[in-house]
Amino acid sequence: MRTIEESRKGIAVVVDEDGHLIGTLTDGDIRRALLMGLALSEPVQTLLDCKQAGPYPTPITASAGTSREGLIELMAANSVQQLPLLDEQNRVVDLVRLRDLVIGTTTPLQAVIMAGGYGRRMAELTTNLPKPMLPIGDSPLLELIIKQLRNTGIHRVNLATHFQPEKITDYFGNGERLDVEINYVREDEPLGTAGVLSLMPTPDEPLLVINGDILTNVDFESMFSYHQEHQADLTVAVRKYEMQVPYGIIENDEWRVSGLQEKPLFEFLVNAGIYLLSPSAFAFVPSGQHFDMTDLIQILIKAGKTVACFPVHEYWLDIGRPADYSKAQQDVKDGKLN
């Protein structure tokens, strides 16, 4: 994971002591392994073994000296974003990315940030201020989210507003100050986390939707690649949540006690409030009705559409209550968001 993050290429190339290619691991490979229950302490070889059951058991490679056009064609044919280049002895001599070969390539994503809620659980903190405008360090929470999107290459940002929208529009304007293009989607009545999408034209490319009270280091570019790999209609970011039951759990067979678990620990995947929607998903969003992302997920599943889950192992915090806000302040001070 550290190798992938530091190289900024989205892939780790595994070689032996002589530089011969053994395999490759992408960000998506690691996240799929997490969904299988593997721990981050597992050896790399375990992950490579898991790939044998996937769509690419053998790495897609090219010979050193392959033309630029040949590399682009090979990547397009195999739906990959990176290619290790090998010499005649199967040694890795270089690594190329599609975005480096195609001049002017940028992420096609645009984003919607849900910034219209009342934030009632924050008590007096949001009486006269939209929750996404609460200051975290030197900037509003919403500004931190926008800067993160921009740094990923997302420069088209839609802000869904309802409660005291002028405090958001007056602060951000058209987004030029932050080097983004901001469009405002005004909800006269709250339409839910998915209903507001009916106020927007159906995009030609996937759309990233994020709640306006999420503080996170999630790699949106990796999420987009994951979404493409699974050809999903919708991808939902998920976070592992653990719950310790403080009592002994009795198991029964009618009136007879059949077992006992003493203070068991249960693990769940919870909705992290970040979504990627393909244009195909927009046909399932009703016009002008209150409609949440959870409703959309259920409808897509019933319709036989592909809904993927993207596990978040990076820093993530849902600022839902005053205690979360205090934690966010301390986490930013401690540099956890960097």
C-alpha atoms as a PDB file:
ATOM      1  CA  MET A   1       0.000   0.000   0.000  1.00  0.00           C
ATOM      2  CA  ARG A   2       2.785   2.408   0.886  1.00  0.00           C
ATOM      3  CA  THR A   3       4.564   1.645  -2.398  1.00  0.00           C
ATOM      4  CA  ILE A   4       1.389   2.318  -4.383  1.00  0.00           C
ATOM      5  CA  GLU A   5       0.688   5.566  -2.531  1.00  0.00           C
ATOM      6  CA  GLU A   6       4.245   6.906  -2.774  1.00  0.00           C
ATOM      7  CA  SER A   7       4.669   6.097  -6.467  1.00  0.00           C
ATOM      8  CA  ARG A   8       1.303   7.674  -7.361  1.00  0.00           C
ATOM      9  CA  LYS A   9       1.004   5.101 -10.157  1.00  0.00           C
ATOM     10  CA  GLY A  10      -1.750   2.945  -8.641  1.00  0.00           C
ATOM     11  CA  ILE A  11       0.236  -0.271  -8.864  1.00  0.00           C
ATOM     12  CA  ALA A  12       3.064  -2.170  -7.157  1.00  0.00           C
ATOM     13  CA  VAL A  13       5.334  -4.393  -9.264  1.00  0.00           C
ATOM     14  CA  VAL A  14       6.593  -7.494  -7.461  1.00  0.00           C
ATOM     15  CA  VAL A  15      10.004  -8.788  -8.596  1.00  0.00           C
ATOM     16  CA  ASP A  16      12.548 -11.333  -7.408  1.00  0.00           C
ATOM     17  CA  GLU A  17      16.081 -10.454  -6.327  1.00  0.00           C
ATOM     18  CA  ASP A  18      17.218 -10.321  -9.967  1.00  0.00           C
ATOM     19  CA  GLY A  19      14.412  -8.020 -11.067  1.00  0.00           C
ATOM     20  CA  HIS A  20      12.336 -10.689 -12.831  1.00  0.00           C
ATOM     21  CA  LEU A  21       8.603 -10.039 -12.776  1.00  0.00           C
ATOM     22  CA  ILE A  22       6.600 -12.150 -10.311  1.00  0.00           C
ATOM     23  CA  GLY A  23       3.323 -10.284 -10.375  1.00  0.00           C
ATOM     24  CA  THR A  24       1.547  -6.977  -9.907  1.00  0.00           C
ATOM     25  CA  LEU A  25      -0.796  -5.635  -7.260  1.00  0.00           C
ATOM     26  CA  THR A  26      -3.139  -2.711  -7.742  1.00  0.00           C
ATOM     27  CA  ASP A  27      -5.039  -0.645  -5.223  1.00  0.00           C
ATOM     28  CA  GLY A  28      -8.155  -2.584  -6.252  1.00  0.00           C
ATOM     29  CA  ASP A  29      -6.446  -5.940  -5.591  1.00  0.00           C
ATOM     30  CA  ILE A  30      -5.744  -4.882  -2.012  1.00  0.00           C
ATOM     31  CA  ARG A  31      -9.288  -3.653  -1.422  1.00  0.00           C
ATOM     32  CA  ARG A  32     -10.779  -6.860  -2.817  1.00  0.00           C
ATOM     33  CA  ALA A  33      -8.515  -8.830  -0.476  1.00  0.00           C
ATOM     34  CA  LEU A  34      -9.846  -6.801   2.456  1.00  0.00           C
ATOM     35  CA  LEU A  35     -13.399  -7.740   1.450  1.00  0.00           C
ATOM     36  CA  MET A  36     -12.312 -11.391   1.506  1.00  0.00           C
ATOM     37  CA  GLY A  37     -11.306 -10.968   5.138  1.00  0.00           C
ATOM     38  CA  LEU A  38      -7.533 -10.809   4.650  1.00  0.00           C
ATOM     39  CA  ALA A  39      -5.562  -8.598   7.027  1.00  0.00           C
ATOM     40  CA  LEU A  40      -3.163  -5.854   5.982  1.00  0.00           C
ATOM     41  CA  SER A  41      -0.383  -7.882   7.634  1.00  0.00           C
ATOM     42  CA  GLU A  42      -0.693 -10.694   5.062  1.00  0.00           C
ATOM     43  CA  PRO A  43       2.401 -11.432   2.921  1.00  0.00           C
ATOM     44  CA  VAL A  44       2.376 -10.114  -0.639  1.00  0.00           C
ATOM     45  CA  GLN A  45       2.425 -13.701  -1.926  1.00  0.00           C
ATOM     46  CA  THR A  46      -0.980 -14.303  -0.325  1.00  0.00           C
ATOM     47  CA  LEU A  47      -2.445 -11.454  -2.349  1.00  0.00           C
ATOM     48  CA  LEU A  48      -0.810 -12.734  -5.530  1.00  0.00           C
ATOM     49  CA  ASP A  49      -2.351 -16.154  -4.885  1.00  0.00           C
ATOM     50  CA  CYS A  50      -5.783 -14.521  -4.503  1.00  0.00           C
ATOM     51  CA  LYS A  51      -5.376 -12.882  -7.916  1.00  0.00           C
ATOM     52  CA  GLN A  52      -5.319 -16.283  -9.586  1.00  0.00           C
ATOM     53  CA  ALA A  53      -9.109 -16.383  -9.259  1.00  0.00           C
ATOM     54  CA  GLY A  54      -9.525 -12.865 -10.651  1.00  0.00           C
ATOM     55  CA  PRO A  55      -9.838 -11.478 -14.178  1.00  0.00           C
ATOM     56  CA  TYR A  56      -6.069 -10.949 -14.538  1.00  0.00           C
ATOM     57  CA  PRO A  57      -4.230 -13.922 -12.992  1.00  0.00           C
ATOM     58  CA  THR A  58      -1.214 -13.147 -15.206  1.00  0.00           C
ATOM     59  CA  PRO A  59       0.071  -9.548 -15.367  1.00  0.00           C
ATOM     60  CA  ILE A  60      -0.516  -7.651 -18.601  1.00  0.00           C
ATOM     61  CA  THR A  61       2.935  -6.537 -19.792  1.00  0.00           C
ATOM     62  CA  ALA A  62       4.690  -5.168 -22.850  1.00  0.00           C
ATOM     63  CA  SER A  63       8.192  -5.470 -24.225  1.00  0.00           C
ATOM     64  CA  ALA A  64      10.589  -2.587 -23.733  1.00  0.00           C
ATOM     65  CA  GLY A  65      10.715  -0.623 -26.960  1.00  0.00           C
ATOM     66  CA  THR A  66       7.025  -1.085 -27.796  1.00  0.00           C
ATOM     67  CA  SER A  67       5.743   2.014 -29.590  1.00  0.00           C
ATOM     68  CA  ARG A  68       3.552   4.529 -27.802  1.00  0.00           C
ATOM     69  CA  GLU A  69       0.647   3.632 -30.080  1.00  0.00           C
ATOM     70  CA  GLY A  70       1.167  -0.064 -29.350  1.00  0.00           C
ATOM     71  CA  LEU A  71       1.148   0.537 -25.608  1.00  0.00           C
ATOM     72  CA  ILE A  72      -2.072   2.560 -25.796  1.00  0.00           C
ATOM     73  CA  GLU A  73      -3.744  -0.120 -27.924  1.00  0.00           C
ATOM     74  CA  LEU A  74      -2.671  -2.887 -25.516  1.00  0.00           C
ATOM     75  CA  MET A  75      -3.973  -0.983 -22.498  1.00  0.00           C
ATOM     76  CA  ALA A  76      -7.300  -0.250 -24.177  1.00  0.00           C
ATOM     77  CA  ALA A  77      -7.745  -3.874 -25.240  1.00  0.00           C
ATOM     78  CA  ASN A  78      -7.155  -5.146 -21.693  1.00  0.00           C
ATOM     79  CA  SER A  79      -8.839  -2.270 -19.776  1.00  0.00           C
ATOM     80  CA  VAL A  80      -5.709  -1.558 -17.712  1.00  0.00           C
ATOM     81  CA  GLN A  81      -4.192   1.757 -16.720  1.00  0.00           C
ATOM     82  CA  GLN A  82      -0.572   0.645 -16.156  1.00  0.00           C
ATOM     83  CA  LEU A  83       1.907  -1.612 -17.956  1.00  0.00           C
ATOM     84  CA  PRO A  84       5.242  -2.994 -16.708  1.00  0.00           C
ATOM     85  CA  LEU A  85       7.818  -3.021 -19.510  1.00  0.00           C
ATOM     86  CA  LEU A  86      10.073  -6.094 -19.664  1.00  0.00           C
ATOM     87  CA  ASP A  87      13.383  -6.857 -21.336  1.00  0.00           C
ATOM     88  CA  GLU A  88      14.182 -10.149 -23.060  1.00  0.00           C
ATOM     89  CA  GLN A  89      15.040 -11.771 -19.699  1.00  0.00           C
ATOM     90  CA  ASN A  90      11.616 -10.895 -18.225  1.00  0.00           C
ATOM     91  CA  ARG A  91      13.136  -8.197 -16.025  1.00  0.00           C
ATOM     92  CA  VAL A  92      11.158  -5.065 -15.277  1.00  0.00           C
ATOM     93  CA  VAL A  93      12.860  -2.050 -16.804  1.00  0.00           C
ATOM     94  CA  ASP A  94      10.047   0.523 -16.703  1.00  0.00           C
ATOM     95  CA  LEU A  95       6.406   1.168 -15.822  1.00  0.00           C
ATOM     96  CA  VAL A  96       4.089   3.296 -17.947  1.00  0.00           C
ATOM     97  CA  ARG A  97       0.635   4.720 -17.266  1.00  0.00           C
ATOM     98  CA  LEU A  98      -2.072   5.417 -19.801  1.00  0.00           C
ATOM     99  CA  ARG A  99      -2.571   8.953 -18.508  1.00  0.00           C
ATOM    100  CA  ASP A 100       1.131   9.680 -19.183  1.00  0.00           C
ATOM    101  CA  LEU A 101       0.886   8.386 -22.754  1.00  0.00           C
ATOM    102  CA  VAL A 102      -2.288  10.238 -23.743  1.00  0.00           C
ATOM    103  CA  ILE A 103      -1.470  13.931 -23.640  1.00  0.00           C
ATOM    104  CA  GLY A 104      -4.040  16.047 -21.851  1.00  0.00           C
ATOM    105  CA  THR A 105      -5.722  13.082 -20.160  1.00  0.00           C
ATOM    106  CA  THR A 106      -7.597  14.159 -17.032  1.00  0.00           C
ATOM    107  CA  THR A 107     -10.033  12.363 -14.797  1.00  0.00           C
ATOM    108  CA  PRO A 108     -13.490  12.508 -16.406  1.00  0.00           C
ATOM    109  CA  LEU A 109     -15.123  12.705 -12.997  1.00  0.00           C
ATOM    110  CA  GLN A 110     -17.217  15.549 -11.740  1.00  0.00           C
ATOM    111  CA  ALA A 111     -18.465  15.635  -8.162  1.00  0.00           C
ATOM    112  CA  VAL A 112     -21.553  16.498  -6.162  1.00  0.00           C
ATOM    113  CA  ILE A 113     -21.154  17.477  -2.522  1.00  0.00           C
ATOM    114  CA  MET A 114     -24.305  17.219  -0.404  1.00  0.00           C
ATOM    115  CA  ALA A 115     -24.179  20.469   1.555  1.00  0.00           C
ATOM    116  CA  GLY A 116     -27.860  21.206   2.171  1.00  0.00           C
ATOM    117  CA  GLY A 117     -28.558  19.519   5.497  1.00  0.00           C
ATOM    118  CA  TYR A 118     -29.543  21.248   8.730  1.00  0.00           C
ATOM    119  CA  GLY A 119     -26.991  19.476  10.923  1.00  0.00           C
ATOM    120  CA  ARG A 120     -29.446  19.305  13.833  1.00  0.00           C
ATOM    121  CA  ARG A 121     -27.364  16.728  15.720  1.00  0.00           C
ATOM    122  CA  MET A 122     -24.623  19.354  16.058  1.00  0.00           C
ATOM    123  CA  ALA A 123     -26.826  21.375  18.444  1.00  0.00           C
ATOM    124  CA  GLU A 124     -26.012  25.098  18.662  1.00  0.00           C
ATOM    125  CA  LEU A 125     -22.960  24.768  16.401  1.00  0.00           C
ATOM    126  CA  THR A 126     -25.177  24.800  13.315  1.00  0.00           C
ATOM    127  CA  THR A 127     -27.983  27.105  14.440  1.00  0.00           C
ATOM    128  CA  ASN A 128     -26.731  29.868  12.166  1.00  0.00           C
ATOM    129  CA  LEU A 129     -24.278  27.994   9.970  1.00  0.00           C
ATOM    130  CA  PRO A 130     -24.567  25.058   7.532  1.00  0.00           C
ATOM    131  CA  LYS A 131     -22.667  22.091   8.935  1.00  0.00           C
ATOM    132  CA  PRO A 132     -20.277  21.857   5.941  1.00  0.00           C
ATOM    133  CA  MET A 133     -19.181  25.420   6.743  1.00  0.00           C
ATOM    134  CA  LEU A 134     -17.986  24.571  10.249  1.00  0.00           C
ATOM    135  CA  PRO A 135     -14.314  25.538  10.533  1.00  0.00           C
ATOM    136  CA  ILE A 136     -11.783  22.717  10.697  1.00  0.00           C
ATOM    137  CA  GLY A 137      -8.441  24.298  11.464  1.00  0.00           C
ATOM    138  CA  ASP A 138      -8.183  27.364   9.244  1.00  0.00           C
ATOM    139  CA  SER A 139     -10.800  26.370   6.656  1.00  0.00           C
ATOM    140  CA  PRO A 140     -14.442  25.289   6.471  1.00  0.00           C
ATOM    141  CA  LEU A 141     -14.962  21.544   6.210  1.00  0.00           C
ATOM    142  CA  LEU A 142     -16.438  22.056   2.733  1.00  0.00           C
ATOM    143  CA  GLU A 143     -13.258  23.767   1.545  1.00  0.00           C
ATOM    144  CA  LEU A 144     -11.164  20.819   2.705  1.00  0.00           C
ATOM    145  CA  ILE A 145     -13.369  18.471   0.674  1.00  0.00           C
ATOM    146  CA  ILE A 146     -13.187  20.674  -2.438  1.00  0.00           C
ATOM    147  CA  LYS A 147      -9.391  20.933  -2.210  1.00  0.00           C
ATOM    148  CA  GLN A 148      -9.102  17.171  -1.915  1.00  0.00           C
ATOM    149  CA  LEU A 149     -11.263  16.730  -5.020  1.00  0.00           C
ATOM    150  CA  ARG A 150      -9.153  19.272  -6.892  1.00  0.00           C
ATOM    151  CA  ASN A 151      -5.915  17.568  -5.889  1.00  0.00           C
ATOM    152  CA  THR A 152      -7.310  14.308  -7.324  1.00  0.00           C
ATOM    153  CA  GLY A 153      -7.924  16.066 -10.647  1.00  0.00           C
ATOM    154  CA  ILE A 154     -11.635  16.777 -10.203  1.00  0.00           C
ATOM    155  CA  HIS A 155     -12.255  20.398 -11.209  1.00  0.00           C
ATOM    156  CA  ARG A 156     -16.036  20.377 -11.782  1.00  0.00           C
ATOM    157  CA  VAL A 157     -17.854  20.480  -8.459  1.00  0.00           C
ATOM    158  CA  ASN A 158     -21.606  20.745  -7.853  1.00  0.00           C
ATOM    159  CA  LEU A 159     -22.739  21.919  -4.422  1.00  0.00           C
ATOM    160  CA  ALA A 160     -26.251  20.845  -3.398  1.00  0.00           C
ATOM    161  CA  THR A 161     -27.551  23.507  -1.004  1.00  0.00           C
ATOM    162  CA  HIS A 162     -30.701  24.134   1.022  1.00  0.00           C
ATOM    163  CA  PHE A 163     -30.112  25.459   4.557  1.00  0.00           C
ATOM    164  CA  GLN A 164     -28.678  29.015   4.510  1.00  0.00           C
ATOM    165  CA  PRO A 165     -27.248  28.582   1.003  1.00  0.00           C
ATOM    166  CA  GLU A 166     -25.979  32.159   0.811  1.00  0.00           C
ATOM    167  CA  LYS A 167     -23.311  31.397   3.418  1.00  0.00           C
ATOM    168  CA  ILE A 168     -21.916  28.817   1.030  1.00  0.00           C
ATOM    169  CA  THR A 169     -22.335  30.733  -2.220  1.00  0.00           C
ATOM    170  CA  ASP A 170     -20.893  33.960  -0.792  1.00  0.00           C
ATOM    171  CA  TYR A 171     -17.806  32.140   0.465  1.00  0.00           C
ATOM    172  CA  PHE A 172     -17.000  29.992  -2.584  1.00  0.00           C
ATOM    173  CA  GLY A 173     -18.410  32.018  -5.470  1.00  0.00           C
ATOM    174  CA  ASN A 174     -17.681  30.369  -8.814  1.00  0.00           C
ATOM    175  CA  GLY A 175     -14.759  28.406  -7.360  1.00  0.00           C
ATOM    176  CA  GLU A 176     -12.054  30.297  -9.234  1.00  0.00           C
ATOM    177  CA  ARG A 177     -10.157  31.014  -6.017  1.00  0.00           C
ATOM    178  CA  LEU A 178      -9.767  27.255  -5.458  1.00  0.00           C
ATOM    179  CA  ASP A 179      -9.057  26.472  -9.127  1.00  0.00           C
ATOM    180  CA  VAL A 180     -12.344  24.603  -9.581  1.00  0.00           C
ATOM    181  CA  GLU A 181     -15.596  25.276 -11.409  1.00  0.00           C
ATOM    182  CA  ILE A 182     -18.487  25.359  -8.937  1.00  0.00           C
ATOM    183  CA  ASN A 183     -22.116  24.924  -9.906  1.00  0.00           C
ATOM    184  CA  TYR A 184     -24.878  25.283  -7.297  1.00  0.00           C
ATOM    185  CA  VAL A 185     -27.889  22.978  -7.183  1.00  0.00           C
ATOM    186  CA  ARG A 186     -30.526  24.586  -4.972  1.00  0.00           C
ATOM    187  CA  GLU A 187     -33.082  22.382  -3.228  1.00  0.00           C
ATOM    188  CA  ASP A 188     -36.253  24.318  -2.396  1.00  0.00           C
ATOM    189  CA  GLU A 189     -37.274  21.316  -0.309  1.00  0.00           C
ATOM    190  CA  PRO A 190     -34.848  18.648   0.948  1.00  0.00           C
ATOM    191  CA  LEU A 191     -34.805  15.833  -1.620  1.00  0.00           C
ATOM    192  CA  GLY A 192     -32.489  13.384   0.144  1.00  0.00           C
ATOM    193  CA  THR A 193     -29.011  12.214  -0.745  1.00  0.00           C
ATOM    194  CA  ALA A 194     -30.054  10.979  -4.209  1.00  0.00           C
ATOM    195  CA  GLY A 195     -33.180  12.999  -5.019  1.00  0.00           C
ATOM    196  CA  VAL A 196     -31.158  16.135  -5.678  1.00  0.00           C
ATOM    197  CA  LEU A 197     -29.566  14.368  -8.655  1.00  0.00           C
ATOM    198  CA  SER A 198     -32.908  14.695 -10.478  1.00  0.00           C
ATOM    199  CA  LEU A 199     -32.273  18.461 -10.580  1.00  0.00           C
ATOM    200  CA  MET A 200     -29.130  17.901 -12.640  1.00  0.00           C
ATOM    201  CA  PRO A 201     -28.762  16.810 -16.271  1.00  0.00           C
ATOM    202  CA  THR A 202     -27.666  13.195 -16.667  1.00  0.00           C
ATOM    203  CA  PRO A 203     -23.866  13.300 -17.033  1.00  0.00           C
ATOM    204  CA  ASP A 204     -21.945  11.593 -19.821  1.00  0.00           C
ATOM    205  CA  GLU A 205     -19.399  10.221 -17.354  1.00  0.00           C
ATOM    206  CA  PRO A 206     -19.454   8.727 -13.832  1.00  0.00           C
ATOM    207  CA  LEU A 207     -20.403  11.104 -11.048  1.00  0.00           C
ATOM    208  CA  LEU A 208     -18.814  11.155  -7.605  1.00  0.00           C
ATOM    209  CA  VAL A 209     -21.244  11.965  -4.786  1.00  0.00           C
ATOM    210  CA  ILE A 210     -19.975  12.691  -1.277  1.00  0.00           C
ATOM    211  CA  ASN A 211     -21.756  13.828   1.861  1.00  0.00           C
ATOM    212  CA  GLY A 212     -20.698  17.283   2.967  1.00  0.00           C
ATOM    213  CA  ASP A 213     -19.833  16.188   6.508  1.00  0.00           C
ATOM    214  CA  ILE A 214     -17.177  13.582   5.617  1.00  0.00           C
ATOM    215  CA  LEU A 215     -13.513  14.105   6.440  1.00  0.00           C
ATOM    216  CA  THR A 216     -11.397  11.525   4.645  1.00  0.00           C
ATOM    217  CA  ASN A 217      -8.198  10.611   2.821  1.00  0.00           C
ATOM    218  CA  VAL A 218      -9.975   8.264   0.399  1.00  0.00           C
ATOM    219  CA  ASP A 219      -8.212   8.067  -2.967  1.00  0.00           C
ATOM    220  CA  PHE A 220     -11.005   9.080  -5.345  1.00  0.00           C
ATOM    221  CA  GLU A 221      -8.935   8.204  -8.406  1.00  0.00           C
ATOM    222  CA  SER A 222      -8.485   4.661  -7.098  1.00  0.00           C
ATOM    223  CA  MET A 223     -12.209   4.465  -6.410  1.00  0.00           C
ATOM    224  CA  PHE A 224     -12.885   5.483 -10.005  1.00  0.00           C
ATOM    225  CA  SER A 225     -10.522   2.786 -11.324  1.00  0.00           C
ATOM    226  CA  TYR A 226     -12.213   0.224  -9.063  1.00  0.00           C
ATOM    227  CA  HIS A 227     -15.628   1.315 -10.359  1.00  0.00           C
ATOM    228  CA  GLN A 228     -14.454   0.820 -13.935  1.00  0.00           C
ATOM    229  CA  GLU A 229     -12.834  -2.555 -13.223  1.00  0.00           C
ATOM    230  CA  HIS A 230     -16.145  -3.913 -11.934  1.00  0.00           C
ATOM    231  CA  GLN A 231     -18.220  -2.192 -14.652  1.00  0.00           C
ATOM    232  CA  ALA A 232     -20.522  -1.056 -11.869  1.00  0.00           C
ATOM    233  CA  ASP A 233     -23.671   0.989 -12.189  1.00  0.00           C
ATOM    234  CA  LEU A 234     -23.021   2.267  -8.673  1.00  0.00           C
ATOM    235  CA  THR A 235     -20.086   1.874  -6.302  1.00  0.00           C
ATOM    236  CA  VAL A 236     -20.524   2.646  -2.611  1.00  0.00           C
ATOM    237  CA  ALA A 237     -17.588   3.262  -0.286  1.00  0.00           C
ATOM    238  CA  VAL A 238     -17.804   1.105   2.845  1.00  0.00           C
ATOM    239  CA  ARG A 239     -16.006   1.133   6.164  1.00  0.00           C
ATOM    240  CA  LYS A 240     -15.471  -1.732   8.604  1.00  0.00           C
ATOM    241  CA  TYR A 241     -17.302  -1.157  11.871  1.00  0.00           C
ATOM    242  CA  GLU A 242     -16.800  -3.267  14.978  1.00  0.00           C
ATOM    243  CA  MET A 243     -19.340  -3.653  17.784  1.00  0.00           C
ATOM    244  CA  GLN A 244     -18.507  -5.316  21.088  1.00  0.00           C
ATOM    245  CA  VAL A 245     -21.560  -6.764  22.843  1.00  0.00           C
ATOM    246  CA  PRO A 246     -21.039  -6.163  26.588  1.00  0.00           C
ATOM    247  CA  TYR A 247     -22.989  -9.270  27.588  1.00  0.00           C
ATOM    248  CA  GLY A 248     -22.850 -13.000  27.133  1.00  0.00           C
ATOM    249  CA  ILE A 249     -24.993 -14.013  24.137  1.00  0.00           C
ATOM    250  CA  ILE A 250     -27.256 -17.014  24.698  1.00  0.00           C
ATOM    251  CA  GLU A 251     -27.934 -19.311  21.751  1.00  0.00           C
ATOM    252  CA  ASN A 252     -31.127 -21.346  21.967  1.00  0.00           C
ATOM    253  CA  ASP A 253     -33.024 -24.118  20.247  1.00  0.00           C
ATOM    254  CA  GLU A 254     -36.569 -23.259  21.301  1.00  0.00           C
ATOM    255  CA  TRP A 255     -36.531 -23.622  25.124  1.00  0.00           C
ATOM    256  CA  ARG A 256     -33.131 -25.365  25.315  1.00  0.00           C
ATOM    257  CA  VAL A 257     -29.880 -23.390  25.679  1.00  0.00           C
ATOM    258  CA  SER A 258     -27.593 -24.623  22.879  1.00  0.00           C
ATOM    259  CA  GLY A 259     -24.580 -22.375  23.335  1.00  0.00           C
ATOM    260  CA  LEU A 260     -23.056 -19.261  24.807  1.00  0.00           C
ATOM    261  CA  GLN A 261     -20.811 -16.545  23.364  1.00  0.00           C
ATOM    262  CA  GLU A 262     -19.161 -14.375  25.984  1.00  0.00           C
ATOM    263  CA  LYS A 263     -19.115 -10.697  24.936  1.00  0.00           C
ATOM    264  CA  PRO A 264     -18.697 -11.403  21.200  1.00  0.00           C
ATOM    265  CA  LEU A 265     -17.230  -8.921  18.720  1.00  0.00           C
ATOM    266  CA  PHE A 266     -19.231  -8.392  15.528  1.00  0.00           C
ATOM    267  CA  GLU A 267     -17.878  -6.775  12.358  1.00  0.00           C
ATOM    268  CA  PHE A 268     -19.976  -5.012   9.731  1.00  0.00           C
ATOM    269  CA  LEU A 269     -19.418  -2.978   6.586  1.00  0.00           C
ATOM    270  CA  VAL A 270     -21.146   0.397   6.947  1.00  0.00           C
ATOM    271  CA  ASN A 271     -22.012   3.019   4.365  1.00  0.00           C
ATOM    272  CA  ALA A 272     -19.201   5.624   4.238  1.00  0.00           C
ATOM    273  CA  GLY A 273     -21.265   8.308   2.469  1.00  0.00           C
ATOM    274  CA  ILE A 274     -19.226   8.328  -0.775  1.00  0.00           C
ATOM    275  CA  TYR A 275     -20.619   7.017  -4.067  1.00  0.00           C
ATOM    276  CA  LEU A 276     -19.760   6.692  -7.752  1.00  0.00           C
ATOM    277  CA  LEU A 277     -22.701   6.592 -10.165  1.00  0.00           C
ATOM    278  CA  SER A 278     -22.524   5.625 -13.809  1.00  0.00           C
ATOM    279  CA  PRO A 279     -24.936   7.483 -16.126  1.00  0.00           C
ATOM    280  CA  SER A 280     -27.026   4.269 -16.272  1.00  0.00           C
ATOM    281  CA  ALA A 281     -27.998   4.719 -12.612  1.00  0.00           C
ATOM    282  CA  PHE A 282     -29.682   8.075 -13.220  1.00  0.00           C
ATOM    283  CA  ALA A 283     -32.654   6.432 -14.937  1.00  0.00           C
ATOM    284  CA  PHE A 284     -33.638   5.004 -11.528  1.00  0.00           C
ATOM    285  CA  VAL A 285     -33.751   8.378  -9.726  1.00  0.00           C
ATOM    286  CA  PRO A 286     -37.339   9.733  -9.596  1.00  0.00           C
ATOM    287  CA  SER A 287     -37.863  13.368 -10.442  1.00  0.00           C
ATOM    288  CA  GLY A 288     -38.615  15.856  -7.673  1.00  0.00           C
ATOM    289  CA  GLN A 289     -39.148  13.280  -4.919  1.00  0.00           C
ATOM    290  CA  HIS A 290     -37.357  12.694  -1.637  1.00  0.00           C
ATOM    291  CA  PHE A 291     -35.009   9.841  -2.438  1.00  0.00           C
ATOM    292  CA  ASP A 292     -31.912   8.622  -0.617  1.00  0.00           C
ATOM    293  CA  MET A 293     -28.862   6.755  -1.847  1.00  0.00           C
ATOM    294  CA  THR A 294     -29.966   3.776   0.222  1.00  0.00           C
ATOM    295  CA  ASP A 295     -33.210   3.717  -1.811  1.00  0.00           C
ATOM    296  CA  LEU A 296     -31.248   3.853  -5.049  1.00  0.00           C
ATOM    297  CA  ILE A 297     -28.948   1.013  -3.966  1.00  0.00           C
ATOM    298  CA  GLN A 298     -31.902  -1.246  -3.173  1.00  0.00           C
ATOM    299  CA  ILE A 299     -33.679  -0.444  -6.439  1.00  0.00           C
ATOM    300  CA  LEU A 300     -30.552  -1.093  -8.503  1.00  0.00           C
ATOM    301  CA  ILE A 301     -30.008  -4.444  -6.787  1.00  0.00           C
ATOM    302  CA  LYS A 302     -33.618  -5.481  -7.434  1.00  0.00           C
ATOM    303  CA  ALA A 303     -33.218  -4.457 -11.075  1.00  0.00           C
ATOM    304  CA  GLY A 304     -30.207  -6.751 -11.422  1.00  0.00           C
ATOM    305  CA  LYS A 305     -27.728  -3.902 -11.825  1.00  0.00           C
ATOM    306  CA  THR A 306     -24.143  -4.053 -10.580  1.00  0.00           C
ATOM    307  CA  VAL A 307     -23.577  -2.376  -7.220  1.00  0.00           C
ATOM    308  CA  ALA A 308     -19.984  -2.654  -6.006  1.00  0.00           C
ATOM    309  CA  CYS A 309     -18.570  -1.933  -2.567  1.00  0.00           C
ATOM    310  CA  PHE A 310     -15.248  -0.117  -2.221  1.00  0.00           C
ATOM    311  CA  PRO A 311     -13.619  -0.715   1.192  1.00  0.00           C
ATOM    312  CA  VAL A 312     -12.052   2.354   2.784  1.00  0.00           C
ATOM    313  CA  HIS A 313      -8.853   1.672   4.710  1.00  0.00           C
ATOM    314  CA  GLU A 314      -7.747   5.314   4.688  1.00  0.00           C
ATOM    315  CA  TYR A 315      -8.604   7.924   7.317  1.00  0.00           C
ATOM    316  CA  TRP A 316     -12.370   8.536   7.436  1.00  0.00           C
ATOM    317  CA  LEU A 317     -14.587  10.434   9.864  1.00  0.00           C
ATOM    318  CA  ASP A 318     -18.304  11.194   9.701  1.00  0.00           C
ATOM    319  CA  ILE A 319     -18.804  14.490  11.530  1.00  0.00           C
ATOM    320  CA  GLY A 320     -22.289  13.790  12.817  1.00  0.00           C
ATOM    321  CA  ARG A 321     -22.100  14.939  16.434  1.00  0.00           C
ATOM    322  CA  PRO A 322     -20.197  17.538  18.475  1.00  0.00           C
ATOM    323  CA  ALA A 323     -17.765  14.856  19.700  1.00  0.00           C
ATOM    324  CA  ASP A 324     -16.932  14.000  16.075  1.00  0.00           C
ATOM    325  CA  TYR A 325     -16.319  17.680  15.361  1.00  0.00           C
ATOM    326  CA  SER A 326     -13.882  17.901  18.262  1.00  0.00           C
ATOM    327  CA  LYS A 327     -12.088  14.808  16.999  1.00  0.00           C
ATOM    328  CA  ALA A 328     -11.892  16.279  13.497  1.00  0.00           C
ATOM    329  CA  GLN A 329     -10.258  19.416  14.869  1.00  0.00           C
ATOM    330  CA  GLN A 330      -7.639  17.377  16.712  1.00  0.00           C
ATOM    331  CA  ASP A 331      -7.043  15.008  13.782  1.00  0.00           C
ATOM    332  CA  VAL A 332      -6.354  17.903  11.399  1.00  0.00           C
ATOM    333  CA  LYS A 333      -4.049  19.461  13.978  1.00  0.00           C
ATOM    334  CA  ASP A 334      -2.196  16.136  14.244  1.00  0.00           C
ATOM    335  CA  GLY A 335      -1.814  15.907  10.471  1.00  0.00           C
ATOM    336  CA  LYS A 336      -3.943  12.788  10.020  1.00  0.00           C
ATOM    337  CA  LEU A 337      -5.605  14.223   6.919  1.00  0.00           C
ATOM    338  CA  ASN A 338      -2.273  14.702   5.095  1.00  0.00           C
END
